N, C-alpha and C. Protein backbone atom coordinates (compact mmCIF):
# COMPACT_ATOMS: atom_id res chain seq x y z
N MET A 1 10.09 -117.55 -135.84
CA MET A 1 9.65 -118.84 -136.32
C MET A 1 10.77 -119.87 -136.22
N LYS A 2 12.00 -119.45 -136.57
CA LYS A 2 13.14 -120.33 -136.52
C LYS A 2 13.42 -120.76 -135.07
N ILE A 3 13.29 -119.83 -134.13
CA ILE A 3 13.51 -120.12 -132.72
C ILE A 3 12.48 -121.12 -132.22
N LEU A 4 11.25 -120.98 -132.65
CA LEU A 4 10.18 -121.90 -132.26
C LEU A 4 10.48 -123.32 -132.75
N LYS A 5 10.96 -123.45 -133.97
CA LYS A 5 11.31 -124.77 -134.51
C LYS A 5 12.45 -125.40 -133.72
N VAL A 6 13.44 -124.60 -133.37
CA VAL A 6 14.57 -125.09 -132.58
C VAL A 6 14.09 -125.56 -131.21
N LYS A 7 13.21 -124.77 -130.58
CA LYS A 7 12.68 -125.15 -129.27
C LYS A 7 11.87 -126.44 -129.35
N ILE A 8 11.05 -126.57 -130.38
CA ILE A 8 10.25 -127.79 -130.55
C ILE A 8 11.16 -128.99 -130.77
N ALA A 9 12.19 -128.82 -131.58
CA ALA A 9 13.14 -129.90 -131.84
C ALA A 9 13.86 -130.30 -130.55
N ALA A 10 14.24 -129.31 -129.74
CA ALA A 10 14.92 -129.58 -128.48
C ALA A 10 14.01 -130.34 -127.52
N VAL A 11 12.74 -129.93 -127.43
CA VAL A 11 11.78 -130.61 -126.55
C VAL A 11 11.57 -132.05 -127.02
N LEU A 12 11.42 -132.25 -128.32
CA LEU A 12 11.25 -133.60 -128.86
C LEU A 12 12.46 -134.47 -128.56
N LEU A 13 13.64 -133.91 -128.76
CA LEU A 13 14.87 -134.65 -128.50
C LEU A 13 14.97 -135.04 -127.02
N MET A 14 14.64 -134.11 -126.13
CA MET A 14 14.68 -134.41 -124.70
C MET A 14 13.66 -135.48 -124.34
N THR A 15 12.48 -135.42 -124.92
CA THR A 15 11.43 -136.39 -124.64
C THR A 15 11.86 -137.79 -125.08
N VAL A 16 12.40 -137.88 -126.29
CA VAL A 16 12.86 -139.18 -126.80
C VAL A 16 14.00 -139.70 -125.95
N SER A 17 14.94 -138.82 -125.62
CA SER A 17 16.09 -139.21 -124.81
C SER A 17 15.66 -139.68 -123.43
N LEU A 18 14.76 -138.96 -122.80
CA LEU A 18 14.28 -139.35 -121.47
C LEU A 18 13.54 -140.68 -121.54
N GLY A 19 12.73 -140.85 -122.57
CA GLY A 19 12.00 -142.11 -122.74
C GLY A 19 12.96 -143.27 -122.91
N TYR A 20 14.02 -143.10 -123.70
CA TYR A 20 15.01 -144.14 -123.91
C TYR A 20 15.73 -144.45 -122.61
N SER A 21 16.08 -143.40 -121.87
CA SER A 21 16.77 -143.59 -120.60
C SER A 21 15.91 -144.39 -119.62
N GLN A 22 14.63 -144.04 -119.52
CA GLN A 22 13.72 -144.76 -118.62
C GLN A 22 13.57 -146.22 -119.06
N GLU A 23 13.43 -146.44 -120.37
CA GLU A 23 13.28 -147.81 -120.88
C GLU A 23 14.53 -148.63 -120.57
N LYS A 24 15.69 -148.02 -120.78
CA LYS A 24 16.95 -148.70 -120.51
C LYS A 24 17.07 -149.03 -119.02
N LYS A 25 16.66 -148.08 -118.17
CA LYS A 25 16.72 -148.30 -116.73
C LYS A 25 15.79 -149.44 -116.32
N MET A 26 14.59 -149.48 -116.88
CA MET A 26 13.64 -150.54 -116.55
C MET A 26 14.15 -151.89 -117.05
N MET A 27 14.77 -151.91 -118.23
CA MET A 27 15.32 -153.16 -118.74
C MET A 27 16.41 -153.66 -117.81
N HIS A 28 17.25 -152.76 -117.31
CA HIS A 28 18.32 -153.14 -116.39
C HIS A 28 17.73 -153.71 -115.10
N GLN A 29 16.67 -153.08 -114.59
CA GLN A 29 16.05 -153.59 -113.37
C GLN A 29 15.51 -154.99 -113.58
N ASP A 30 14.88 -155.24 -114.71
CA ASP A 30 14.38 -156.58 -115.00
C ASP A 30 15.52 -157.57 -115.09
N HIS A 31 16.62 -157.18 -115.73
CA HIS A 31 17.77 -158.06 -115.86
C HIS A 31 18.37 -158.37 -114.49
N HIS A 32 18.48 -157.34 -113.65
CA HIS A 32 19.02 -157.56 -112.31
C HIS A 32 18.15 -158.53 -111.53
N LYS A 33 16.84 -158.37 -111.65
CA LYS A 33 15.92 -159.28 -110.97
C LYS A 33 16.14 -160.71 -111.46
N MET A 34 16.35 -160.88 -112.75
CA MET A 34 16.58 -162.21 -113.29
C MET A 34 17.89 -162.78 -112.78
N GLU A 35 18.91 -161.94 -112.67
CA GLU A 35 20.20 -162.43 -112.19
C GLU A 35 20.07 -162.98 -110.78
N LYS A 36 19.19 -162.44 -110.00
CA LYS A 36 19.07 -162.83 -108.61
C LYS A 36 18.32 -164.15 -108.41
N GLY A 37 17.73 -164.72 -109.44
CA GLY A 37 17.05 -165.97 -109.19
C GLY A 37 16.37 -166.58 -110.38
N GLU A 38 15.69 -165.76 -111.16
CA GLU A 38 14.91 -166.31 -112.25
C GLU A 38 15.79 -166.84 -113.38
N MET A 39 16.93 -166.20 -113.62
CA MET A 39 17.76 -166.58 -114.74
C MET A 39 18.32 -167.98 -114.56
N LYS A 40 18.63 -168.37 -113.33
CA LYS A 40 19.21 -169.69 -113.12
C LYS A 40 18.24 -170.80 -113.50
N MET A 41 16.94 -170.52 -113.45
CA MET A 41 15.95 -171.53 -113.79
C MET A 41 15.78 -171.67 -115.30
N MET A 42 16.29 -170.71 -116.07
CA MET A 42 16.13 -170.75 -117.52
C MET A 42 17.06 -171.76 -118.16
N ASP A 43 18.10 -172.17 -117.48
CA ASP A 43 19.08 -173.08 -118.05
C ASP A 43 18.60 -174.52 -117.92
N SER A 44 18.25 -175.13 -119.03
CA SER A 44 17.69 -176.48 -118.99
C SER A 44 18.75 -177.54 -118.76
N LYS A 45 20.02 -177.18 -118.79
CA LYS A 45 21.08 -178.16 -118.60
C LYS A 45 21.40 -178.41 -117.13
N ILE A 46 20.79 -177.68 -116.24
CA ILE A 46 21.03 -177.91 -114.82
C ILE A 46 20.60 -179.33 -114.51
N PRO A 47 21.48 -180.11 -113.90
CA PRO A 47 21.13 -181.51 -113.64
C PRO A 47 19.97 -181.64 -112.66
N LYS A 48 19.30 -182.74 -112.77
CA LYS A 48 18.26 -183.08 -111.79
C LYS A 48 18.94 -183.88 -110.70
N PHE A 49 18.64 -183.52 -109.46
CA PHE A 49 19.22 -184.21 -108.32
C PHE A 49 18.18 -185.13 -107.70
N ASN A 50 18.64 -186.03 -106.85
CA ASN A 50 17.74 -186.98 -106.19
C ASN A 50 16.81 -186.30 -105.21
N ASN A 51 17.10 -185.06 -104.86
CA ASN A 51 16.34 -184.34 -103.85
C ASN A 51 16.19 -182.89 -104.33
N GLU A 52 14.99 -182.37 -104.32
CA GLU A 52 14.73 -181.00 -104.78
C GLU A 52 15.51 -179.96 -103.96
N LYS A 53 15.75 -180.26 -102.69
CA LYS A 53 16.51 -179.32 -101.85
C LYS A 53 17.97 -179.23 -102.29
N ILE A 54 18.47 -180.32 -102.85
CA ILE A 54 19.84 -180.28 -103.39
C ILE A 54 19.86 -179.39 -104.63
N THR A 55 18.81 -179.47 -105.44
CA THR A 55 18.71 -178.59 -106.61
C THR A 55 18.74 -177.14 -106.16
N THR A 56 18.00 -176.82 -105.12
CA THR A 56 17.99 -175.45 -104.58
C THR A 56 19.39 -175.04 -104.13
N ALA A 57 20.08 -175.92 -103.43
CA ALA A 57 21.44 -175.60 -102.97
C ALA A 57 22.37 -175.38 -104.16
N TYR A 58 22.24 -176.22 -105.19
CA TYR A 58 23.10 -176.05 -106.37
C TYR A 58 22.78 -174.73 -107.08
N GLU A 59 21.52 -174.38 -107.19
CA GLU A 59 21.15 -173.11 -107.81
C GLU A 59 21.69 -171.93 -107.01
N ASP A 60 21.67 -172.04 -105.68
CA ASP A 60 22.26 -171.00 -104.84
C ASP A 60 23.78 -170.93 -105.05
N TYR A 61 24.39 -172.08 -105.26
CA TYR A 61 25.82 -172.13 -105.58
C TYR A 61 26.09 -171.36 -106.88
N LEU A 62 25.22 -171.55 -107.87
CA LEU A 62 25.40 -170.86 -109.15
C LEU A 62 25.33 -169.35 -109.00
N THR A 63 24.44 -168.86 -108.14
CA THR A 63 24.36 -167.41 -107.94
C THR A 63 25.59 -166.89 -107.19
N LEU A 64 26.14 -167.71 -106.30
CA LEU A 64 27.39 -167.35 -105.63
C LEU A 64 28.52 -167.31 -106.65
N LYS A 65 28.58 -168.30 -107.52
CA LYS A 65 29.61 -168.33 -108.56
C LYS A 65 29.51 -167.09 -109.45
N ALA A 66 28.29 -166.68 -109.79
CA ALA A 66 28.10 -165.48 -110.61
C ALA A 66 28.60 -164.23 -109.89
N ALA A 67 28.40 -164.16 -108.58
CA ALA A 67 28.89 -163.02 -107.80
C ALA A 67 30.41 -163.00 -107.77
N ILE A 68 31.03 -164.17 -107.66
CA ILE A 68 32.49 -164.27 -107.69
C ILE A 68 33.00 -163.82 -109.06
N LEU A 69 32.33 -164.26 -110.11
CA LEU A 69 32.71 -163.86 -111.47
C LEU A 69 32.64 -162.35 -111.63
N LYS A 70 31.63 -161.72 -111.05
CA LYS A 70 31.47 -160.26 -111.13
C LYS A 70 32.46 -159.52 -110.22
N SER A 71 33.16 -160.26 -109.38
CA SER A 71 34.06 -159.66 -108.39
C SER A 71 33.31 -158.71 -107.47
N ASP A 72 32.12 -159.12 -107.08
CA ASP A 72 31.26 -158.31 -106.21
C ASP A 72 31.26 -158.93 -104.81
N GLN A 73 32.10 -158.39 -103.94
CA GLN A 73 32.29 -158.94 -102.60
C GLN A 73 30.99 -158.95 -101.80
N GLU A 74 30.24 -157.87 -101.83
CA GLU A 74 29.00 -157.79 -101.05
C GLU A 74 27.95 -158.77 -101.57
N LEU A 75 27.82 -158.85 -102.89
CA LEU A 75 26.87 -159.79 -103.48
C LEU A 75 27.28 -161.23 -103.17
N ALA A 76 28.57 -161.51 -103.22
CA ALA A 76 29.06 -162.86 -102.90
C ALA A 76 28.70 -163.22 -101.45
N LYS A 77 28.83 -162.25 -100.56
CA LYS A 77 28.46 -162.48 -99.16
C LYS A 77 26.97 -162.83 -99.05
N GLU A 78 26.12 -162.05 -99.74
CA GLU A 78 24.67 -162.29 -99.70
C GLU A 78 24.33 -163.66 -100.27
N GLU A 79 24.94 -164.00 -101.39
CA GLU A 79 24.65 -165.29 -102.04
C GLU A 79 25.16 -166.45 -101.19
N ALA A 80 26.29 -166.26 -100.52
CA ALA A 80 26.82 -167.30 -99.63
C ALA A 80 25.88 -167.52 -98.45
N GLU A 81 25.29 -166.44 -97.94
CA GLU A 81 24.32 -166.58 -96.85
C GLU A 81 23.09 -167.35 -97.31
N GLN A 82 22.66 -167.09 -98.54
CA GLN A 82 21.53 -167.83 -99.12
C GLN A 82 21.87 -169.31 -99.23
N LEU A 83 23.06 -169.60 -99.70
CA LEU A 83 23.52 -170.99 -99.83
C LEU A 83 23.62 -171.65 -98.47
N LEU A 84 24.09 -170.92 -97.50
CA LEU A 84 24.17 -171.44 -96.13
C LEU A 84 22.80 -171.87 -95.64
N GLY A 85 21.79 -171.08 -95.92
CA GLY A 85 20.42 -171.44 -95.55
C GLY A 85 19.96 -172.72 -96.23
N ALA A 86 20.29 -172.87 -97.50
CA ALA A 86 19.91 -174.08 -98.24
C ALA A 86 20.62 -175.31 -97.68
N LEU A 87 21.87 -175.14 -97.28
CA LEU A 87 22.62 -176.27 -96.71
C LEU A 87 22.08 -176.68 -95.35
N GLY A 88 21.42 -175.76 -94.67
CA GLY A 88 20.83 -176.06 -93.37
C GLY A 88 19.74 -177.10 -93.44
N GLU A 89 19.28 -177.40 -94.65
CA GLU A 89 18.23 -178.40 -94.87
C GLU A 89 18.75 -179.83 -94.78
N PHE A 90 20.06 -180.01 -94.71
CA PHE A 90 20.65 -181.34 -94.76
C PHE A 90 21.47 -181.65 -93.52
N GLU A 91 21.42 -182.89 -93.11
CA GLU A 91 22.30 -183.34 -92.04
C GLU A 91 23.64 -183.72 -92.68
N GLY A 92 24.68 -183.64 -91.91
CA GLY A 92 25.99 -184.03 -92.40
C GLY A 92 26.65 -182.99 -93.30
N THR A 93 26.20 -181.75 -93.22
CA THR A 93 26.80 -180.70 -94.05
C THR A 93 27.56 -179.69 -93.19
N GLY A 94 27.93 -180.09 -92.00
CA GLY A 94 28.63 -179.18 -91.09
C GLY A 94 29.89 -178.59 -91.69
N GLN A 95 30.69 -179.43 -92.34
CA GLN A 95 31.93 -178.95 -92.94
C GLN A 95 31.65 -178.00 -94.10
N LEU A 96 30.63 -178.33 -94.91
CA LEU A 96 30.26 -177.43 -96.02
C LEU A 96 29.82 -176.08 -95.48
N LYS A 97 29.01 -176.09 -94.43
CA LYS A 97 28.53 -174.83 -93.84
C LYS A 97 29.69 -174.02 -93.27
N LYS A 98 30.63 -174.72 -92.67
CA LYS A 98 31.80 -174.05 -92.10
C LYS A 98 32.61 -173.34 -93.20
N ILE A 99 32.76 -174.03 -94.34
CA ILE A 99 33.53 -173.45 -95.44
C ILE A 99 32.79 -172.28 -96.07
N VAL A 100 31.47 -172.43 -96.32
CA VAL A 100 30.73 -171.34 -96.97
C VAL A 100 30.62 -170.13 -96.04
N THR A 101 30.67 -170.37 -94.74
CA THR A 101 30.67 -169.26 -93.78
C THR A 101 31.92 -168.40 -93.97
N LYS A 102 33.02 -169.02 -94.40
CA LYS A 102 34.24 -168.25 -94.68
C LYS A 102 33.99 -167.20 -95.77
N VAL A 103 33.13 -167.53 -96.74
CA VAL A 103 32.82 -166.56 -97.80
C VAL A 103 32.09 -165.36 -97.19
N THR A 104 31.19 -165.62 -96.26
CA THR A 104 30.41 -164.52 -95.66
C THR A 104 31.25 -163.66 -94.73
N THR A 105 32.30 -164.22 -94.16
CA THR A 105 33.09 -163.47 -93.18
C THR A 105 34.45 -163.02 -93.72
N SER A 106 34.75 -163.34 -94.96
CA SER A 106 36.05 -162.97 -95.53
C SER A 106 36.21 -161.45 -95.59
N PRO A 107 37.40 -160.96 -95.25
CA PRO A 107 37.62 -159.51 -95.23
C PRO A 107 37.77 -158.89 -96.61
N ASN A 108 38.02 -159.72 -97.63
CA ASN A 108 38.21 -159.17 -98.98
C ASN A 108 37.84 -160.21 -100.03
N LEU A 109 37.80 -159.76 -101.26
CA LEU A 109 37.38 -160.61 -102.37
C LEU A 109 38.34 -161.79 -102.59
N GLU A 110 39.62 -161.56 -102.42
CA GLU A 110 40.59 -162.65 -102.62
C GLU A 110 40.36 -163.78 -101.63
N ALA A 111 40.08 -163.44 -100.38
CA ALA A 111 39.78 -164.47 -99.38
C ALA A 111 38.48 -165.19 -99.72
N GLN A 112 37.51 -164.44 -100.23
CA GLN A 112 36.25 -165.06 -100.66
C GLN A 112 36.49 -166.06 -101.78
N LYS A 113 37.34 -165.70 -102.72
CA LYS A 113 37.64 -166.61 -103.83
C LYS A 113 38.31 -167.88 -103.33
N GLY A 114 39.20 -167.75 -102.37
CA GLY A 114 39.83 -168.94 -101.79
C GLY A 114 38.82 -169.84 -101.11
N ALA A 115 37.91 -169.24 -100.34
CA ALA A 115 36.87 -170.01 -99.66
C ALA A 115 35.90 -170.62 -100.67
N PHE A 116 35.59 -169.88 -101.73
CA PHE A 116 34.71 -170.40 -102.79
C PHE A 116 35.33 -171.64 -103.43
N SER A 117 36.62 -171.59 -103.71
CA SER A 117 37.32 -172.73 -104.30
C SER A 117 37.27 -173.94 -103.36
N GLU A 118 37.56 -173.71 -102.11
CA GLU A 118 37.53 -174.79 -101.12
C GLU A 118 36.12 -175.38 -101.02
N PHE A 119 35.12 -174.51 -101.01
CA PHE A 119 33.74 -174.98 -100.95
C PHE A 119 33.38 -175.79 -102.19
N SER A 120 33.78 -175.31 -103.36
CA SER A 120 33.46 -175.99 -104.61
C SER A 120 33.97 -177.42 -104.61
N ASN A 121 35.19 -177.60 -104.14
CA ASN A 121 35.80 -178.93 -104.08
C ASN A 121 35.02 -179.83 -103.11
N ALA A 122 34.68 -179.31 -101.94
CA ALA A 122 33.93 -180.09 -100.95
C ALA A 122 32.50 -180.35 -101.41
N PHE A 123 31.88 -179.38 -102.06
CA PHE A 123 30.51 -179.52 -102.55
C PHE A 123 30.45 -180.59 -103.65
N ALA A 124 31.51 -180.68 -104.46
CA ALA A 124 31.59 -181.71 -105.49
C ALA A 124 31.51 -183.09 -104.86
N SER A 125 32.25 -183.29 -103.77
CA SER A 125 32.21 -184.58 -103.06
C SER A 125 30.82 -184.85 -102.50
N PHE A 126 30.18 -183.82 -101.95
CA PHE A 126 28.84 -183.96 -101.39
C PHE A 126 27.83 -184.36 -102.48
N LEU A 127 27.96 -183.80 -103.67
CA LEU A 127 27.00 -184.05 -104.75
C LEU A 127 27.21 -185.39 -105.45
N GLU A 128 28.37 -185.98 -105.27
CA GLU A 128 28.67 -187.27 -105.90
C GLU A 128 27.60 -188.29 -105.55
N GLY A 129 27.02 -188.91 -106.58
CA GLY A 129 25.99 -189.93 -106.38
C GLY A 129 24.59 -189.39 -106.12
N LYS A 130 24.44 -188.07 -106.11
CA LYS A 130 23.13 -187.47 -105.84
C LYS A 130 22.48 -186.88 -107.10
N ILE A 131 23.11 -187.09 -108.24
CA ILE A 131 22.60 -186.55 -109.50
C ILE A 131 21.75 -187.62 -110.18
N ALA A 132 20.49 -187.29 -110.44
CA ALA A 132 19.57 -188.24 -111.07
C ALA A 132 19.66 -188.19 -112.59
N ASP A 133 19.94 -187.02 -113.14
CA ASP A 133 19.96 -186.85 -114.58
C ASP A 133 20.99 -185.79 -114.94
N ASN A 134 21.83 -186.08 -115.94
CA ASN A 134 22.87 -185.19 -116.40
C ASN A 134 24.12 -185.35 -115.53
N GLN A 135 25.01 -184.39 -115.53
CA GLN A 135 26.25 -184.49 -114.77
C GLN A 135 26.81 -183.10 -114.49
N LEU A 136 27.78 -183.06 -113.61
CA LEU A 136 28.49 -181.83 -113.26
C LEU A 136 29.96 -182.02 -113.59
N TYR A 137 30.65 -180.90 -113.68
CA TYR A 137 32.08 -180.93 -113.91
C TYR A 137 32.77 -180.12 -112.82
N LEU A 138 33.84 -180.67 -112.29
CA LEU A 138 34.69 -179.93 -111.37
C LEU A 138 35.86 -179.42 -112.20
N ALA A 139 35.98 -178.11 -112.29
CA ALA A 139 37.03 -177.50 -113.10
C ALA A 139 38.04 -176.82 -112.18
N ARG A 140 39.25 -176.61 -112.72
CA ARG A 140 40.32 -175.99 -111.94
C ARG A 140 41.12 -175.05 -112.83
N CYS A 141 41.42 -173.89 -112.28
CA CYS A 141 42.33 -172.94 -112.92
C CYS A 141 43.61 -172.92 -112.09
N PRO A 142 44.76 -173.25 -112.67
CA PRO A 142 46.00 -173.29 -111.90
C PRO A 142 46.49 -171.91 -111.47
N MET A 143 46.02 -170.85 -112.13
CA MET A 143 46.50 -169.50 -111.83
C MET A 143 45.68 -168.78 -110.76
N ALA A 144 44.51 -169.31 -110.44
CA ALA A 144 43.63 -168.65 -109.46
C ALA A 144 44.26 -168.70 -108.07
N ASN A 145 43.79 -167.81 -107.22
CA ASN A 145 44.24 -167.76 -105.82
C ASN A 145 45.76 -167.71 -105.71
N ASN A 146 46.33 -166.73 -106.38
CA ASN A 146 47.78 -166.50 -106.37
C ASN A 146 48.57 -167.73 -106.78
N ASN A 147 48.13 -168.35 -107.86
CA ASN A 147 48.78 -169.52 -108.46
C ASN A 147 48.72 -170.78 -107.61
N SER A 148 47.87 -170.80 -106.59
CA SER A 148 47.69 -172.05 -105.85
C SER A 148 46.54 -172.86 -106.44
N GLY A 149 45.81 -172.26 -107.36
CA GLY A 149 44.73 -172.96 -108.06
C GLY A 149 43.38 -172.66 -107.44
N GLY A 150 42.36 -172.81 -108.26
CA GLY A 150 41.00 -172.58 -107.79
C GLY A 150 40.04 -173.52 -108.49
N PHE A 151 39.09 -174.06 -107.73
CA PHE A 151 38.09 -174.99 -108.24
C PHE A 151 36.73 -174.32 -108.36
N TRP A 152 35.92 -174.82 -109.28
CA TRP A 152 34.51 -174.43 -109.38
C TRP A 152 33.74 -175.56 -110.06
N LEU A 153 32.45 -175.56 -109.82
CA LEU A 153 31.55 -176.55 -110.43
C LEU A 153 30.81 -175.92 -111.60
N SER A 154 30.52 -176.75 -112.58
CA SER A 154 29.74 -176.31 -113.73
C SER A 154 28.92 -177.48 -114.25
N HIS A 155 27.77 -177.17 -114.82
CA HIS A 155 26.99 -178.22 -115.46
C HIS A 155 27.20 -178.18 -116.97
N GLU A 156 28.14 -177.37 -117.41
CA GLU A 156 28.53 -177.30 -118.81
C GLU A 156 30.01 -177.63 -118.91
N GLU A 157 30.36 -178.36 -119.94
CA GLU A 157 31.75 -178.78 -120.10
C GLU A 157 32.67 -177.62 -120.51
N ALA A 158 32.10 -176.62 -121.15
CA ALA A 158 32.90 -175.45 -121.57
C ALA A 158 33.40 -174.71 -120.32
N ILE A 159 34.66 -174.33 -120.35
CA ILE A 159 35.28 -173.63 -119.22
C ILE A 159 34.79 -172.19 -119.18
N GLN A 160 34.33 -171.77 -118.00
CA GLN A 160 34.01 -170.36 -117.72
C GLN A 160 34.54 -170.05 -116.33
N ASN A 161 35.77 -169.62 -116.31
CA ASN A 161 36.51 -169.37 -115.09
C ASN A 161 35.94 -168.17 -114.33
N PRO A 162 35.48 -168.36 -113.09
CA PRO A 162 34.90 -167.24 -112.33
C PRO A 162 35.91 -166.41 -111.54
N PHE A 163 37.19 -166.79 -111.58
CA PHE A 163 38.15 -166.19 -110.65
C PHE A 163 38.76 -164.86 -111.07
N PHE A 164 38.65 -164.47 -112.32
CA PHE A 164 39.35 -163.27 -112.76
C PHE A 164 38.41 -162.17 -113.24
N GLY A 165 37.21 -162.14 -112.70
CA GLY A 165 36.27 -161.06 -113.00
C GLY A 165 35.96 -160.88 -114.47
N GLY A 166 35.80 -161.96 -115.18
CA GLY A 166 35.46 -161.88 -116.59
C GLY A 166 36.68 -161.94 -117.50
N LYS A 167 37.86 -161.80 -116.95
CA LYS A 167 39.09 -161.93 -117.73
C LYS A 167 39.52 -163.40 -117.65
N MET A 168 40.14 -163.88 -118.66
CA MET A 168 40.66 -165.25 -118.68
C MET A 168 39.55 -166.29 -118.44
N LEU A 169 38.39 -166.06 -119.03
CA LEU A 169 37.25 -166.96 -118.83
C LEU A 169 37.53 -168.39 -119.25
N LYS A 170 38.43 -168.59 -120.18
CA LYS A 170 38.68 -169.94 -120.70
C LYS A 170 39.88 -170.62 -120.05
N CYS A 171 40.47 -169.97 -119.06
CA CYS A 171 41.62 -170.56 -118.37
C CYS A 171 41.15 -171.63 -117.40
N GLY A 172 41.62 -172.83 -117.57
CA GLY A 172 41.27 -173.92 -116.67
C GLY A 172 40.99 -175.19 -117.45
N SER A 173 40.73 -176.25 -116.71
CA SER A 173 40.42 -177.53 -117.33
C SER A 173 39.51 -178.34 -116.41
N ILE A 174 38.81 -179.28 -117.01
CA ILE A 174 37.94 -180.18 -116.25
C ILE A 174 38.82 -181.17 -115.51
N GLN A 175 38.60 -181.29 -114.22
CA GLN A 175 39.37 -182.22 -113.39
C GLN A 175 38.61 -183.51 -113.12
N GLU A 176 37.27 -183.39 -113.08
CA GLU A 176 36.47 -184.55 -112.70
C GLU A 176 35.05 -184.38 -113.24
N THR A 177 34.44 -185.49 -113.63
CA THR A 177 33.04 -185.50 -114.02
C THR A 177 32.27 -186.14 -112.87
N ILE A 178 31.23 -185.48 -112.42
CA ILE A 178 30.46 -185.93 -111.25
C ILE A 178 29.10 -186.39 -111.73
N LYS A 179 28.76 -187.62 -111.35
CA LYS A 179 27.46 -188.19 -111.75
C LYS A 179 26.66 -188.60 -110.55
C-alpha cells in the first residue's frame, strides 16, 4: 500500500512538472513572437512620422537595437536585413542602406555594433523634420565601441544603452532631440 502511494505521488508530481514545463515553453514562444514584431507596436510613445513607411523603418530599427542589446549577432543580421528592406521604400537613402548593409555583413558582434552606431547617427539626420508627433532622442555612450563612443536612437528620454548586452544600461547621455 505504501509503495502504491509513493508511485501515485511520483506520477502526480511528474504530471504537474510536465504541465508546468509545457506552459512555460508556450509562454516563451509567445514572448519570442512578440519580440519579433508585435511588442514594438505596444509602445504608445513611438512617435508618429509624416509617412507610415518611415514608421515601419523606425520600428525595424527598434528590433535591430533590441538584437544589439541582446548581443545576438545572427538576430542583428536578420533585423538589419528587415530594416534594409524598409529603407528600400525611399529615394535618397543610399548611404543609409550602405551603412545598414555593414551590419548584415559584419564578421562579428563588435563590428555590428560599430555599424549600428554609424547607422543610428545617419538615421537621426534622415528622420529630422519627418516626425509629426512626439520626438526622438539621439543618445551616446562614450565607452561603447572600444571607447570611441556609440550612438543610438530612442523615443524615451531615459537612457537604455544597447552596447553592453544588458550591462551598463544607464551609461550614456542624450546628445540631441529630434523633432
